Protein backbone atom coordinates (compact mmCIF):
# COMPACT_ATOMS: atom_id res chain seq x y z
CA UNK A 1 -108.50 139.98 -8.84
CA UNK A 2 -109.57 142.25 -11.56
CA UNK A 3 -110.72 145.80 -10.29
CA UNK A 4 -112.29 148.70 -12.24
CA UNK A 5 -112.04 152.78 -11.74
CA UNK A 6 -115.50 154.77 -12.83
CA UNK A 7 -114.10 158.22 -13.39
CA UNK A 8 -110.66 157.42 -14.03
CA UNK A 9 -109.43 160.60 -15.44
CA UNK A 10 -109.61 162.77 -12.10
CA UNK A 11 -106.86 163.55 -9.79
CA UNK A 12 -108.12 160.60 -7.61
CA UNK A 13 -108.55 158.53 -10.47
CA UNK A 14 -105.11 159.22 -11.37
CA UNK A 15 -103.71 158.50 -8.17
CA UNK A 16 -105.75 154.88 -7.85
CA UNK A 17 -104.58 154.17 -11.05
CA UNK A 18 -101.26 154.51 -10.35
CA UNK A 19 -101.53 152.68 -6.91
CA UNK A 20 -103.24 149.82 -8.53
CA UNK A 21 -100.77 149.27 -11.28
CA UNK A 22 -98.08 148.67 -8.38
CA UNK A 23 -99.91 146.56 -6.83
CA UNK A 24 -99.27 142.40 -6.77
CA UNK A 25 -103.26 140.95 -6.53
CA UNK A 26 -104.89 143.04 -8.64
CA UNK A 27 -105.61 143.89 -12.36
CA UNK A 28 -106.81 147.22 -13.60
CA UNK A 29 -109.52 145.59 -15.96
CA UNK A 30 -112.02 148.90 -16.65
CA UNK A 31 -110.97 152.52 -16.10
CA UNK A 32 -113.87 154.50 -17.62
CA UNK A 33 -114.19 158.48 -18.67
CA UNK A 34 -117.14 160.36 -20.33
CA UNK A 35 -114.93 163.07 -21.45
CA UNK A 36 -111.48 161.42 -22.60
CA UNK A 37 -113.42 157.98 -24.13
CA UNK A 38 -111.21 156.23 -26.68
CA UNK A 39 -107.63 158.21 -24.98
CA UNK A 40 -104.95 156.47 -23.98
CA UNK A 41 -104.55 156.70 -20.36
CA UNK A 42 -100.88 158.78 -20.53
CA UNK A 43 -102.95 161.41 -22.44
CA UNK A 44 -104.64 162.31 -19.29
CA UNK A 45 -102.49 160.84 -16.36
CA UNK A 46 -98.29 161.53 -18.09
CA UNK A 47 -96.80 159.76 -14.93
CA UNK A 48 -98.15 156.75 -16.36
CA UNK A 49 -97.00 156.81 -19.45
CA UNK A 50 -94.82 153.03 -20.23
CA UNK A 51 -96.92 151.93 -17.55
CA UNK A 52 -99.99 150.57 -19.02
CA UNK A 53 -101.30 149.99 -22.33
CA UNK A 54 -105.59 150.81 -20.94
CA UNK A 55 -106.98 153.58 -22.50
CA UNK A 56 -110.44 154.89 -21.24
CA UNK A 57 -113.66 153.42 -22.49
CA UNK A 58 -117.20 154.98 -21.51
CA UNK A 59 -118.78 154.02 -18.82
CA UNK A 60 -120.92 150.61 -19.25
CA UNK A 61 -122.47 149.46 -16.12
CA UNK A 62 -123.07 145.58 -17.61
CA UNK A 63 -119.40 145.67 -19.28
CA UNK A 64 -117.69 146.68 -15.57
CA UNK A 65 -120.05 143.80 -14.14
CA UNK A 66 -118.71 141.57 -16.03
CA UNK A 67 -115.20 142.31 -16.38
CA UNK A 68 -114.40 143.42 -12.36
CA UNK A 69 -114.50 142.06 -9.03
CA UNK A 70 -114.44 145.14 -7.25
CA UNK A 71 -115.27 148.51 -8.59
CA UNK A 72 -113.60 152.16 -6.94
CA UNK A 73 -116.13 154.93 -7.81
CA UNK A 74 -114.11 158.24 -8.02
CA UNK A 75 -117.50 160.03 -9.69
CA UNK A 76 -118.59 163.63 -8.76
CA UNK A 77 -120.75 164.00 -5.68
CA UNK A 78 -124.48 162.95 -6.26
CA UNK A 79 -123.56 160.61 -9.45
CA UNK A 80 -122.22 157.15 -6.82
CA UNK A 81 -125.75 157.11 -5.46
CA UNK A 82 -127.37 156.32 -8.95
CA UNK A 83 -124.71 154.02 -10.17
CA UNK A 84 -124.10 152.14 -6.99
CA UNK A 85 -126.97 150.41 -6.60
CA UNK A 86 -126.64 148.21 -9.27
CA UNK A 87 -123.14 146.99 -8.25
CA UNK A 88 -124.13 146.64 -5.15
CA UNK A 89 -127.10 144.51 -6.86
CA UNK A 90 -125.00 142.83 -8.95
CA UNK A 91 -122.51 141.84 -6.40
CA UNK A 92 -119.41 143.42 -6.69
CA UNK A 93 -117.51 145.12 -4.52
CA UNK A 94 -117.72 148.91 -4.55
CA UNK A 95 -115.25 151.59 -2.35
CA UNK A 96 -117.12 155.19 -2.74
CA UNK A 97 -114.42 158.04 -2.83
CA UNK A 98 -117.24 160.58 -3.18
CA UNK A 99 -119.41 162.04 -0.42
CA UNK A 100 -122.51 159.70 -1.33
CA UNK A 101 -122.72 157.01 1.35
CA UNK A 102 -120.53 158.66 3.97
CA UNK A 103 -123.20 160.18 6.19
CA UNK A 104 -125.57 157.65 8.10
CA UNK A 105 -128.17 159.85 8.63
CA UNK A 106 -130.18 160.38 4.98
CA UNK A 107 -131.28 163.74 6.05
CA UNK A 108 -127.58 165.63 6.39
CA UNK A 109 -127.33 165.16 2.56
CA UNK A 110 -130.45 167.56 2.18
CA UNK A 111 -128.89 170.03 4.93
CA UNK A 112 -125.32 169.64 3.87
CA UNK A 113 -125.44 168.78 0.31
CA UNK A 114 -128.76 169.96 -1.25
CA UNK A 115 -130.28 166.82 -2.22
CA UNK A 116 -132.34 164.11 -1.18
CA UNK A 117 -130.56 160.61 -1.17
CA UNK A 118 -131.87 158.10 -3.75
CA UNK A 119 -131.17 155.14 -1.87
CA UNK A 120 -131.14 155.53 1.98
CA UNK A 121 -131.48 152.17 2.64
CA UNK A 122 -127.73 151.62 1.58
CA UNK A 123 -126.23 154.48 4.41
CA UNK A 124 -126.57 151.71 6.84
CA UNK A 125 -124.83 149.12 5.05
CA UNK A 126 -122.02 151.81 3.52
CA UNK A 127 -118.98 150.73 6.21
CA UNK A 128 -116.75 154.60 6.87
CA UNK A 129 -114.13 153.54 5.53
CA UNK A 130 -111.28 155.16 7.59
CA UNK A 131 -109.82 152.02 9.06
CA UNK A 132 -108.06 153.33 12.12
CA UNK A 133 -111.63 153.46 13.44
CA UNK A 134 -114.01 151.21 11.45
CA UNK A 135 -111.31 148.20 10.26
CA UNK A 136 -113.93 145.42 11.34
CA UNK A 137 -116.70 147.03 9.85
CA UNK A 138 -114.62 147.56 6.72
CA UNK A 139 -113.56 143.50 6.92
CA UNK A 140 -117.16 142.80 6.66
CA UNK A 141 -118.41 145.74 4.20
CA UNK A 142 -119.48 145.17 0.34
CA UNK A 143 -119.77 148.97 0.21
CA UNK A 144 -117.26 151.30 1.46
CA UNK A 145 -117.81 155.29 1.85
CA UNK A 146 -114.13 156.57 1.81
CA UNK A 147 -113.97 159.52 3.84
CA UNK A 148 -113.90 163.37 2.82
CA UNK A 149 -109.75 164.43 2.77
CA UNK A 150 -110.28 167.46 5.42
CA UNK A 151 -112.42 164.90 7.60
CA UNK A 152 -109.86 162.19 7.45
CA UNK A 153 -107.24 164.57 8.57
CA UNK A 154 -109.38 166.03 11.47
CA UNK A 155 -110.71 162.73 12.83
CA UNK A 156 -107.80 160.96 12.71
CA UNK A 157 -106.30 164.28 14.50
CA UNK A 158 -109.05 164.39 17.29
CA UNK A 159 -110.37 160.64 17.65
CA UNK A 160 -108.12 159.92 20.69
CA UNK A 161 -108.42 163.04 22.72
CA UNK A 162 -112.08 162.74 21.98
CA UNK A 163 -112.04 159.23 23.34
CA UNK A 164 -110.85 159.87 26.48
CA UNK A 165 -113.64 162.24 27.41
CA UNK A 166 -111.26 165.32 28.65
CA UNK A 167 -112.32 167.84 26.66
CA UNK A 168 -115.63 170.37 26.38
CA UNK A 169 -117.34 168.35 23.67
CA UNK A 170 -119.07 171.65 22.32
CA UNK A 171 -116.61 173.38 21.65
CA UNK A 172 -113.97 172.38 18.79
CA UNK A 173 -112.33 174.33 16.66
CA UNK A 174 -110.53 173.14 13.02
CA UNK A 175 -108.82 175.17 10.72
CA UNK A 176 -107.62 173.81 7.86
CA UNK A 177 -105.96 174.50 5.01
CA UNK A 178 -105.21 172.41 1.27
CA UNK A 179 -103.88 171.94 -1.81
CA UNK A 180 -105.31 173.18 -4.76
CA UNK A 181 -105.53 169.55 -5.92
CA UNK A 182 -108.87 169.31 -3.09
CA UNK A 183 -110.80 171.65 -5.54
CA UNK A 184 -110.34 168.70 -8.80
CA UNK A 185 -109.12 168.52 -12.13
CA UNK A 186 -111.50 171.07 -13.42
CA UNK A 187 -110.58 174.25 -13.86
CA UNK A 188 -112.20 177.14 -12.43
CA UNK A 189 -111.49 180.77 -11.83
CA UNK A 190 -110.12 179.94 -8.41
CA UNK A 191 -107.55 177.69 -9.39
CA UNK A 192 -106.30 179.99 -12.38
CA UNK A 193 -102.90 180.04 -11.65
CA UNK A 194 -102.83 184.02 -11.05
CA UNK A 195 -106.05 183.55 -8.68
CA UNK A 196 -104.41 180.81 -6.94
CA UNK A 197 -100.43 181.55 -6.85
CA UNK A 198 -99.40 182.85 -3.92
CA UNK A 199 -102.77 182.62 -1.84
CA UNK A 200 -103.89 181.62 1.72
CA UNK A 201 -107.53 182.40 1.11
CA UNK A 202 -110.56 181.30 3.37
CA UNK A 203 -112.95 179.68 1.21
CA UNK A 204 -115.03 178.36 3.80
CA UNK A 205 -115.20 179.89 7.42
CA UNK A 206 -118.48 178.53 8.20
CA UNK A 207 -120.72 175.61 7.10
CA UNK A 208 -117.80 173.21 5.12
CA UNK A 209 -119.58 170.15 4.38
CA UNK A 210 -116.98 167.88 5.96
CA UNK A 211 -117.87 169.08 9.13
CA UNK A 212 -121.11 166.96 8.88
CA UNK A 213 -118.51 163.31 8.92
CA UNK A 214 -116.71 165.17 11.86
CA UNK A 215 -119.34 165.45 14.28
CA UNK A 216 -120.94 161.87 12.93
CA UNK A 217 -117.81 159.88 14.12
CA UNK A 218 -116.31 162.02 17.04
CA UNK A 219 -120.35 161.65 18.41
CA UNK A 220 -120.05 157.84 17.48
CA UNK A 221 -116.50 157.85 19.88
CA UNK A 222 -117.80 160.17 22.50
CA UNK A 223 -121.18 158.15 22.86
CA UNK A 224 -122.72 161.89 22.83
CA UNK A 225 -123.18 165.18 20.59
CA UNK A 226 -119.92 166.44 19.95
CA UNK A 227 -120.36 170.48 18.53
CA UNK A 228 -117.43 171.24 15.32
CA UNK A 229 -116.03 174.31 13.86
CA UNK A 230 -114.75 174.20 10.97
CA UNK A 231 -113.13 176.55 8.59
CA UNK A 232 -110.97 175.64 5.48
CA UNK A 233 -108.50 177.78 3.40
CA UNK A 234 -106.95 177.15 -0.04
CA UNK A 235 -103.50 177.93 -0.08
CA UNK A 236 -100.21 177.67 -2.24
CA UNK A 237 -99.13 173.97 -2.57
CA UNK A 238 -100.67 171.38 -5.04
CA UNK A 239 -101.05 168.56 -2.22
CA UNK A 240 -101.56 168.21 1.34
CA UNK A 241 -103.67 169.29 4.22
CA UNK A 242 -102.48 170.92 7.58
CA UNK A 243 -105.27 170.07 10.12
CA UNK A 244 -104.91 172.53 13.09
CA UNK A 245 -107.63 171.56 16.11
CA UNK A 246 -108.03 173.35 18.93
CA UNK A 247 -109.75 171.75 22.05
CA UNK A 248 -110.30 172.92 25.46
CA UNK A 249 -109.59 170.41 28.25
CA UNK A 250 -111.80 169.90 31.21
CA UNK A 251 -108.66 168.65 33.48
CA UNK A 252 -105.36 169.56 32.82
CA UNK A 253 -103.23 167.50 31.14
CA UNK A 254 -99.34 166.75 30.88
CA UNK A 255 -97.52 166.24 27.74
CA UNK A 256 -96.70 162.58 28.58
CA UNK A 257 -100.15 162.16 29.64
CA UNK A 258 -101.16 163.39 25.75
CA UNK A 259 -98.22 160.99 24.21
CA UNK A 260 -99.87 158.25 26.14
CA UNK A 261 -103.38 158.43 24.70
CA UNK A 262 -102.21 158.82 21.45
CA UNK A 263 -99.84 156.03 21.52
CA UNK A 264 -102.69 153.69 23.21
CA UNK A 265 -105.53 154.74 20.42
CA UNK A 266 -102.92 154.00 17.45
CA UNK A 267 -101.19 151.30 18.87
CA UNK A 268 -100.15 148.77 15.76
CA UNK A 269 -101.24 151.37 13.32
CA UNK A 270 -99.52 151.13 10.20
CA UNK A 271 -99.71 154.74 8.50
CA UNK A 272 -100.25 156.65 11.71
CA UNK A 273 -96.85 158.09 12.35
CA UNK A 274 -96.06 161.34 15.19
CA UNK A 275 -94.34 164.04 14.93
CA UNK A 276 -92.82 166.50 18.01
CA UNK A 277 -89.40 167.00 17.70
CA UNK A 278 -86.98 169.38 19.94
CA UNK A 279 -85.32 170.32 17.26
CA UNK A 280 -84.91 170.77 13.23
CA UNK A 281 -87.25 172.34 10.53
CA UNK A 282 -89.61 169.72 11.09
CA UNK A 283 -90.67 169.94 14.57
CA UNK A 284 -94.30 169.64 13.82
CA UNK A 285 -96.92 167.81 10.85
CA UNK A 286 -96.15 168.98 7.78
CA UNK A 287 -97.84 168.25 4.60
CA UNK A 288 -94.68 168.83 2.29
CA UNK A 289 -93.25 165.45 4.33
CA UNK A 290 -96.26 163.40 3.36
CA UNK A 291 -96.61 163.97 -0.47
CA UNK A 292 -97.31 160.81 -2.41
CA UNK A 293 -97.77 158.78 0.91
CA UNK A 294 -100.74 157.07 2.73
CA UNK A 295 -99.34 158.13 5.96
CA UNK A 296 -101.35 160.78 8.78
CA UNK A 297 -98.54 162.80 10.56
CA UNK A 298 -100.02 163.89 14.14
CA UNK A 299 -98.36 166.62 16.60
CA UNK A 300 -99.64 168.15 19.66
CA UNK A 301 -98.92 170.83 21.94
CA UNK A 302 -100.09 171.63 25.15
CA UNK A 303 -101.65 175.59 26.36
CA UNK A 304 -101.46 175.72 29.77
CA UNK A 305 -102.29 179.78 29.96
CA UNK A 306 -105.25 178.70 28.33
CA UNK A 307 -106.40 175.04 28.88
CA UNK A 308 -106.18 174.32 25.75
CA UNK A 309 -104.88 170.93 23.73
CA UNK A 310 -103.22 172.28 19.86
CA UNK A 311 -102.97 169.08 17.46
CA UNK A 312 -102.36 169.23 14.38
CA UNK A 313 -101.79 166.31 11.45
CA UNK A 314 -100.73 166.64 8.04
CA UNK A 315 -101.57 164.45 4.89
CA UNK A 316 -101.87 163.98 1.42
CA UNK A 317 -105.20 164.63 0.10
CA UNK A 318 -105.25 162.50 -2.84
CA UNK A 319 -103.57 159.86 -0.75
CA UNK A 320 -104.41 159.15 2.88
CA UNK A 321 -107.42 161.92 2.10
CA UNK A 322 -108.56 159.30 -0.89
CA UNK A 323 -106.62 156.86 -3.07
CA UNK A 324 -104.65 155.90 -0.64
CA UNK A 325 -107.26 155.44 2.14
CA UNK A 326 -109.35 153.59 -0.98
CA UNK A 327 -106.58 151.04 -1.42
CA UNK A 328 -105.89 150.40 2.03
CA UNK A 329 -109.96 150.00 2.32
CA UNK A 330 -109.56 147.46 -0.16
CA UNK A 331 -106.43 145.25 1.01
CA UNK A 332 -108.66 144.99 4.64
CA UNK A 333 -111.57 143.80 2.81
CA UNK A 334 -109.99 141.15 1.18
CA UNK A 335 -107.32 140.22 4.25
CA UNK A 336 -103.99 141.52 2.27
CA UNK A 337 -101.58 143.32 3.96
CA UNK A 338 -102.93 146.87 4.52
CA UNK A 339 -99.71 148.06 3.25
CA UNK A 340 -100.09 146.77 0.19
CA UNK A 341 -99.69 148.72 -2.80
CA UNK A 342 -99.19 151.75 -0.36
CA UNK A 343 -95.28 151.01 0.94
CA UNK A 344 -93.77 154.29 -1.30
CA UNK A 345 -91.99 156.85 0.75
CA UNK A 346 -92.39 160.35 0.56
CA UNK A 347 -89.98 162.43 -1.07
CA UNK A 348 -87.99 165.01 -0.02
CA UNK A 349 -86.94 168.01 -0.64
CA UNK A 350 -90.44 168.31 -2.98
């Protein structure tokens, strides 16, 4: 199958290329970039030197339509919603890694992104691309909207306990710490080495737009309104997200009961791992361990004194938080092994 990447010069586009060039069932036919049109891919993604002779091309919808069976959209937020309808009409399968089709209520785009959605009719058609929750919808979809990176980590940590119904659904706190690649490849003063190095910077203590996705997905699981309070911090690493989620129990729960809830919910999931060890350095999920992989590591601890359950998840924001999930979604859409192109192990140390 021929695939293309629209907006392939960013960090997510580079990760998609890295994964797809090793995928046995696809050929990368088109990679676009307005900024780097005509340049060899390895000039922007040096890790791919010798792996491909592709050059970036100017985005051309008719050319993509002719050459590709499926297109990955790695364009900035607000761009995909103008381009995707044309590809959708042409019958191309689409996996969108921007925020443009994640939210089901068009009014949420006004509230969280400050723009009006021009094609709200497609929001109902788009499958939310988190396989652990929406595998059957993804199988049938022609348009898949990949989750936001911080949303993915938080939802995966919280989903089983939300589904169990044993928590206060209006009092959920999510604290996220994300590496610098989460801000994208475009430079800014906050990504300048002298400003970002050694930092633990709260940059969105309230009102982070990924809150909308987390509430949407958890409310659907709970079959009622779930309220989430989220804070985001930039930290001194390049890749990775650690989500620390605090929920308050309506009834006491033991560690063995938590294990049972999570194992049953994620039974058979190829990219979910549980991390709660009694000894060693890595007793709980750590983003360092999942760098370059599509795994989400989940751990937990019960606070009997405060009737609180602490849930932790670690993902690579460019993999399980973006490109890895996108490739997993493609595999599901096409009926292939979900692990195709995603079976590389993490590095240690890194």
